[in-house]
């Protein structure tokens, strides 16, 4: 095998990997809802144990008055000082950042 043929194969393989990665991000540009929920639960666990949690697996549009952002909606319940607290949240589907948090 000539070095030129080997180098051509390596370059072709790298180019194909980059193209596949870019295409997969375009097909699903959002983070996994389970990963987002895990991150949010970890932040809540710093204050008190979690009793339950949920997240919708489909995105919806969230309007904050300036822009529309695709979000996942979900909720967390926990016991705090002997009382049940329930929270609902909207998390940015691209970054996972919480854009809305309400105590219900």
N, C-alpha and C. Protein backbone atom coordinates (compact mmCIF):
# COMPACT_ATOMS: atom_id res chain seq x y z
N UNK A 1 0.85 -1.17 0.00
CA UNK A 1 0.00 0.00 0.00
C UNK A 1 0.90 1.23 0.00
N UNK A 2 0.58 2.14 -0.86
CA UNK A 2 1.36 3.37 -0.94
C UNK A 2 0.88 4.35 0.11
N UNK A 3 1.79 5.19 0.55
CA UNK A 3 1.48 6.19 1.57
C UNK A 3 0.41 7.15 1.06
N UNK A 4 0.42 7.45 -0.22
CA UNK A 4 -0.56 8.36 -0.82
C UNK A 4 -1.97 7.76 -0.71
N UNK A 5 -2.11 6.47 -0.97
CA UNK A 5 -3.41 5.81 -0.87
C UNK A 5 -3.89 5.78 0.58
N UNK A 6 -2.98 5.53 1.49
CA UNK A 6 -3.32 5.50 2.91
C UNK A 6 -3.80 6.88 3.37
N UNK A 7 -3.07 7.92 3.00
CA UNK A 7 -3.43 9.29 3.40
C UNK A 7 -4.80 9.66 2.81
N UNK A 8 -5.05 9.27 1.58
CA UNK A 8 -6.33 9.55 0.95
C UNK A 8 -7.46 8.87 1.71
N UNK A 9 -7.26 7.64 2.16
CA UNK A 9 -8.25 6.92 2.94
C UNK A 9 -8.54 7.58 4.26
N UNK A 10 -7.48 8.04 4.93
CA UNK A 10 -7.64 8.71 6.23
C UNK A 10 -8.42 10.01 6.06
N UNK A 11 -8.06 10.81 5.06
CA UNK A 11 -8.74 12.08 4.82
C UNK A 11 -10.20 11.84 4.47
N UNK A 12 -10.47 10.85 3.64
CA UNK A 12 -11.84 10.53 3.27
C UNK A 12 -12.65 10.10 4.49
N UNK A 13 -12.07 9.29 5.35
CA UNK A 13 -12.75 8.85 6.57
C UNK A 13 -13.05 10.01 7.50
N UNK A 14 -12.11 10.91 7.68
CA UNK A 14 -12.33 12.08 8.54
C UNK A 14 -13.42 12.98 7.97
N UNK A 15 -13.39 13.19 6.66
CA UNK A 15 -14.41 14.04 6.03
C UNK A 15 -15.79 13.42 6.21
N UNK A 16 -15.90 12.12 6.04
CA UNK A 16 -17.18 11.44 6.21
C UNK A 16 -17.67 11.57 7.65
N UNK A 17 -16.77 11.46 8.62
CA UNK A 17 -17.15 11.58 10.03
C UNK A 17 -17.68 12.97 10.34
N UNK A 18 -17.04 13.99 9.82
CA UNK A 18 -17.48 15.37 10.05
C UNK A 18 -18.85 15.60 9.42
N UNK A 19 -19.05 15.12 8.21
CA UNK A 19 -20.33 15.29 7.53
C UNK A 19 -21.45 14.57 8.29
N UNK A 20 -21.20 13.37 8.73
CA UNK A 20 -22.21 12.62 9.48
C UNK A 20 -22.55 13.32 10.79
N UNK A 21 -21.54 13.83 11.49
CA UNK A 21 -21.78 14.55 12.75
C UNK A 21 -22.64 15.78 12.51
N UNK A 22 -22.31 16.56 11.48
CA UNK A 22 -23.08 17.76 11.17
C UNK A 22 -24.52 17.43 10.81
N UNK A 23 -24.72 16.40 10.03
CA UNK A 23 -26.06 16.01 9.63
C UNK A 23 -26.88 15.52 10.82
N UNK A 24 -26.26 14.79 11.72
CA UNK A 24 -27.00 14.30 12.89
C UNK A 24 -27.42 15.44 13.80
N UNK A 25 -26.62 16.49 13.90
CA UNK A 25 -26.98 17.64 14.71
C UNK A 25 -28.11 18.43 14.07
N UNK A 26 -28.17 18.44 12.77
CA UNK A 26 -29.27 19.14 12.08
C UNK A 26 -30.57 18.38 12.22
N UNK A 27 -30.51 17.08 12.25
CA UNK A 27 -31.71 16.28 12.39
C UNK A 27 -32.28 16.42 13.80
N UNK A 28 -31.45 16.36 14.81
CA UNK A 28 -31.88 16.48 16.19
C UNK A 28 -30.97 17.47 16.93
N UNK A 29 -31.26 18.77 16.80
CA UNK A 29 -30.38 19.77 17.42
C UNK A 29 -30.60 19.94 18.91
N UNK A 30 -31.56 19.19 19.49
CA UNK A 30 -31.91 19.37 20.89
C UNK A 30 -31.21 18.36 21.79
N UNK A 31 -31.01 18.76 23.02
CA UNK A 31 -30.47 17.86 24.03
C UNK A 31 -31.52 16.83 24.40
N UNK A 32 -31.08 15.75 24.96
CA UNK A 32 -31.99 14.70 25.42
C UNK A 32 -32.82 15.22 26.60
N UNK A 33 -34.14 15.04 26.56
CA UNK A 33 -34.95 15.50 27.70
C UNK A 33 -34.57 14.81 29.01
N UNK A 34 -34.16 13.54 28.94
CA UNK A 34 -33.74 12.84 30.16
C UNK A 34 -32.49 13.46 30.76
N UNK A 35 -31.54 13.88 29.92
CA UNK A 35 -30.33 14.53 30.43
C UNK A 35 -30.66 15.87 31.07
N UNK A 36 -31.58 16.61 30.45
CA UNK A 36 -31.98 17.90 31.02
C UNK A 36 -32.66 17.69 32.38
N UNK A 37 -33.55 16.71 32.46
CA UNK A 37 -34.23 16.42 33.73
C UNK A 37 -33.23 16.01 34.81
N UNK A 38 -32.26 15.20 34.45
CA UNK A 38 -31.24 14.77 35.42
C UNK A 38 -30.47 15.97 35.96
N UNK A 39 -30.11 16.89 35.09
CA UNK A 39 -29.37 18.08 35.51
C UNK A 39 -30.21 18.94 36.46
N UNK A 40 -31.47 19.12 36.13
CA UNK A 40 -32.35 19.93 36.98
C UNK A 40 -32.56 19.24 38.33
N UNK A 41 -32.76 17.93 38.32
CA UNK A 41 -32.92 17.19 39.57
C UNK A 41 -31.67 17.31 40.44
N UNK A 42 -30.49 17.24 39.83
CA UNK A 42 -29.25 17.38 40.61
C UNK A 42 -29.18 18.72 41.32
N UNK A 43 -29.66 19.79 40.67
CA UNK A 43 -29.66 21.10 41.30
C UNK A 43 -30.65 21.15 42.47
N UNK A 44 -31.83 20.56 42.28
CA UNK A 44 -32.82 20.53 43.36
C UNK A 44 -32.34 19.69 44.53
N UNK A 45 -31.62 18.60 44.25
CA UNK A 45 -31.15 17.70 45.32
C UNK A 45 -30.16 18.38 46.25
N UNK A 46 -29.57 19.47 45.81
CA UNK A 46 -28.63 20.20 46.67
C UNK A 46 -29.34 20.81 47.87
N UNK A 47 -30.66 21.05 47.74
CA UNK A 47 -31.43 21.66 48.82
C UNK A 47 -32.25 20.66 49.61
N UNK A 48 -32.82 19.65 48.92
CA UNK A 48 -33.66 18.66 49.60
C UNK A 48 -33.84 17.46 48.68
N UNK A 49 -34.16 16.29 49.26
CA UNK A 49 -34.39 15.10 48.43
C UNK A 49 -35.60 15.27 47.50
N UNK A 50 -35.52 14.64 46.35
CA UNK A 50 -36.60 14.70 45.35
C UNK A 50 -37.55 13.52 45.59
N UNK A 51 -38.86 13.81 45.56
CA UNK A 51 -39.88 12.75 45.68
C UNK A 51 -40.32 12.25 44.32
N UNK A 52 -40.40 13.14 43.34
CA UNK A 52 -40.84 12.74 42.02
C UNK A 52 -40.45 13.77 40.98
N UNK A 53 -40.45 13.35 39.72
CA UNK A 53 -40.12 14.27 38.64
C UNK A 53 -40.71 13.75 37.34
N UNK A 54 -40.90 14.65 36.38
CA UNK A 54 -41.41 14.27 35.07
C UNK A 54 -40.95 15.30 34.05
N UNK A 55 -40.98 14.90 32.78
CA UNK A 55 -40.67 15.81 31.69
C UNK A 55 -41.39 15.32 30.44
N UNK A 56 -41.95 16.27 29.69
CA UNK A 56 -42.55 15.93 28.40
C UNK A 56 -41.43 15.72 27.40
N UNK A 57 -41.56 14.71 26.58
CA UNK A 57 -40.50 14.34 25.64
C UNK A 57 -40.54 15.14 24.34
N UNK A 58 -41.58 15.94 24.14
CA UNK A 58 -41.70 16.76 22.93
C UNK A 58 -41.52 18.22 23.30
N UNK A 59 -40.90 18.95 22.38
CA UNK A 59 -40.68 20.37 22.62
C UNK A 59 -41.95 21.16 22.32
N UNK A 60 -42.01 22.34 22.92
CA UNK A 60 -43.05 23.31 22.59
C UNK A 60 -42.39 24.68 22.57
N UNK A 61 -43.05 25.62 21.95
CA UNK A 61 -42.49 26.97 21.85
C UNK A 61 -42.80 27.77 23.12
N UNK A 62 -41.79 28.44 23.64
CA UNK A 62 -41.93 29.29 24.82
C UNK A 62 -41.63 30.72 24.40
N UNK A 63 -42.55 31.62 24.67
CA UNK A 63 -42.37 33.02 24.30
C UNK A 63 -42.15 33.83 25.57
N UNK A 64 -41.01 34.50 25.65
CA UNK A 64 -40.70 35.31 26.83
C UNK A 64 -40.96 36.80 26.58
N UNK A 65 -41.64 37.12 25.48
CA UNK A 65 -41.92 38.51 25.16
C UNK A 65 -40.96 39.08 24.14
N UNK A 66 -39.79 38.45 23.98
CA UNK A 66 -38.81 38.92 23.01
C UNK A 66 -38.56 37.89 21.92
N UNK A 67 -38.42 36.65 22.31
CA UNK A 67 -38.11 35.60 21.35
C UNK A 67 -38.91 34.35 21.69
N UNK A 68 -38.98 33.47 20.72
CA UNK A 68 -39.57 32.15 20.96
C UNK A 68 -38.44 31.13 21.02
N UNK A 69 -38.54 30.26 22.01
CA UNK A 69 -37.51 29.25 22.24
C UNK A 69 -38.16 27.89 22.37
N UNK A 70 -37.58 26.86 21.73
CA UNK A 70 -38.12 25.51 21.96
C UNK A 70 -37.73 25.04 23.37
N UNK A 71 -38.73 24.56 24.12
CA UNK A 71 -38.47 24.13 25.50
C UNK A 71 -39.08 22.77 25.75
N UNK A 72 -38.56 22.11 26.77
CA UNK A 72 -39.19 20.93 27.35
C UNK A 72 -39.85 21.39 28.64
N UNK A 73 -41.07 20.94 28.88
CA UNK A 73 -41.76 21.25 30.14
C UNK A 73 -41.66 20.05 31.06
N UNK A 74 -41.58 20.32 32.35
CA UNK A 74 -41.49 19.24 33.32
C UNK A 74 -41.82 19.72 34.70
N UNK A 75 -41.61 18.84 35.67
CA UNK A 75 -41.92 19.18 37.04
C UNK A 75 -41.11 18.37 38.04
N UNK A 76 -41.03 18.91 39.24
CA UNK A 76 -40.28 18.30 40.34
C UNK A 76 -41.14 18.42 41.60
N UNK A 77 -41.17 17.37 42.40
CA UNK A 77 -41.82 17.47 43.72
C UNK A 77 -40.82 17.02 44.77
N UNK A 78 -40.88 17.69 45.91
CA UNK A 78 -39.96 17.37 47.01
C UNK A 78 -40.59 17.75 48.34
N UNK A 79 -40.07 17.15 49.41
CA UNK A 79 -40.48 17.51 50.76
C UNK A 79 -39.50 18.54 51.30
N UNK A 80 -40.04 19.66 51.76
CA UNK A 80 -39.19 20.71 52.33
C UNK A 80 -39.84 21.17 53.62
N UNK A 81 -39.15 20.99 54.73
CA UNK A 81 -39.66 21.37 56.05
C UNK A 81 -41.01 20.71 56.34
N UNK A 82 -41.15 19.45 55.96
CA UNK A 82 -42.35 18.69 56.24
C UNK A 82 -43.53 18.96 55.31
N UNK A 83 -43.35 19.83 54.33
CA UNK A 83 -44.41 20.14 53.39
C UNK A 83 -44.00 19.77 51.97
N UNK A 84 -44.97 19.28 51.20
CA UNK A 84 -44.71 18.93 49.81
C UNK A 84 -44.66 20.19 48.97
N UNK A 85 -43.59 20.34 48.19
CA UNK A 85 -43.45 21.45 47.26
C UNK A 85 -43.46 20.89 45.84
N UNK A 86 -44.23 21.51 44.96
CA UNK A 86 -44.27 21.12 43.56
C UNK A 86 -43.82 22.30 42.70
N UNK A 87 -42.97 22.01 41.74
CA UNK A 87 -42.47 23.01 40.83
C UNK A 87 -42.69 22.55 39.40
N UNK A 88 -43.00 23.49 38.52
CA UNK A 88 -43.04 23.23 37.09
C UNK A 88 -41.97 24.09 36.45
N UNK A 89 -41.34 23.56 35.42
CA UNK A 89 -40.28 24.30 34.75
C UNK A 89 -40.40 24.19 33.24
N UNK A 90 -39.75 25.12 32.58
CA UNK A 90 -39.54 25.07 31.13
C UNK A 90 -38.03 25.20 30.94
N UNK A 91 -37.44 24.22 30.24
CA UNK A 91 -35.99 24.22 30.03
C UNK A 91 -35.71 24.32 28.53
N UNK A 92 -34.77 25.20 28.19
CA UNK A 92 -34.37 25.39 26.80
C UNK A 92 -33.92 24.04 26.22
N UNK A 93 -34.50 23.64 25.10
CA UNK A 93 -34.20 22.34 24.51
C UNK A 93 -32.79 22.28 23.93
N UNK A 94 -32.20 23.43 23.61
CA UNK A 94 -30.85 23.44 23.02
C UNK A 94 -29.75 23.46 24.08
N UNK A 95 -29.97 24.23 25.15
CA UNK A 95 -28.91 24.39 26.15
C UNK A 95 -29.21 23.69 27.46
N UNK A 96 -30.47 23.42 27.74
CA UNK A 96 -30.85 22.82 29.02
C UNK A 96 -31.09 23.83 30.12
N UNK A 97 -30.88 25.11 29.84
CA UNK A 97 -31.06 26.15 30.85
C UNK A 97 -32.54 26.32 31.18
N UNK A 98 -32.84 26.48 32.46
CA UNK A 98 -34.21 26.69 32.90
C UNK A 98 -34.60 28.12 32.55
N UNK A 99 -35.66 28.28 31.75
CA UNK A 99 -36.11 29.61 31.36
C UNK A 99 -37.34 30.04 32.14
N UNK A 100 -37.99 29.10 32.83
CA UNK A 100 -39.13 29.42 33.66
C UNK A 100 -39.24 28.39 34.78
N UNK A 101 -39.50 28.86 35.98
CA UNK A 101 -39.68 27.98 37.15
C UNK A 101 -40.81 28.54 37.98
N UNK A 102 -41.84 27.73 38.20
CA UNK A 102 -43.00 28.16 38.98
C UNK A 102 -43.25 27.16 40.10
N UNK A 103 -43.54 27.69 41.27
CA UNK A 103 -43.98 26.85 42.38
C UNK A 103 -45.49 26.75 42.28
N UNK A 104 -46.00 25.50 42.24
CA UNK A 104 -47.46 25.31 42.09
C UNK A 104 -48.04 24.65 43.32
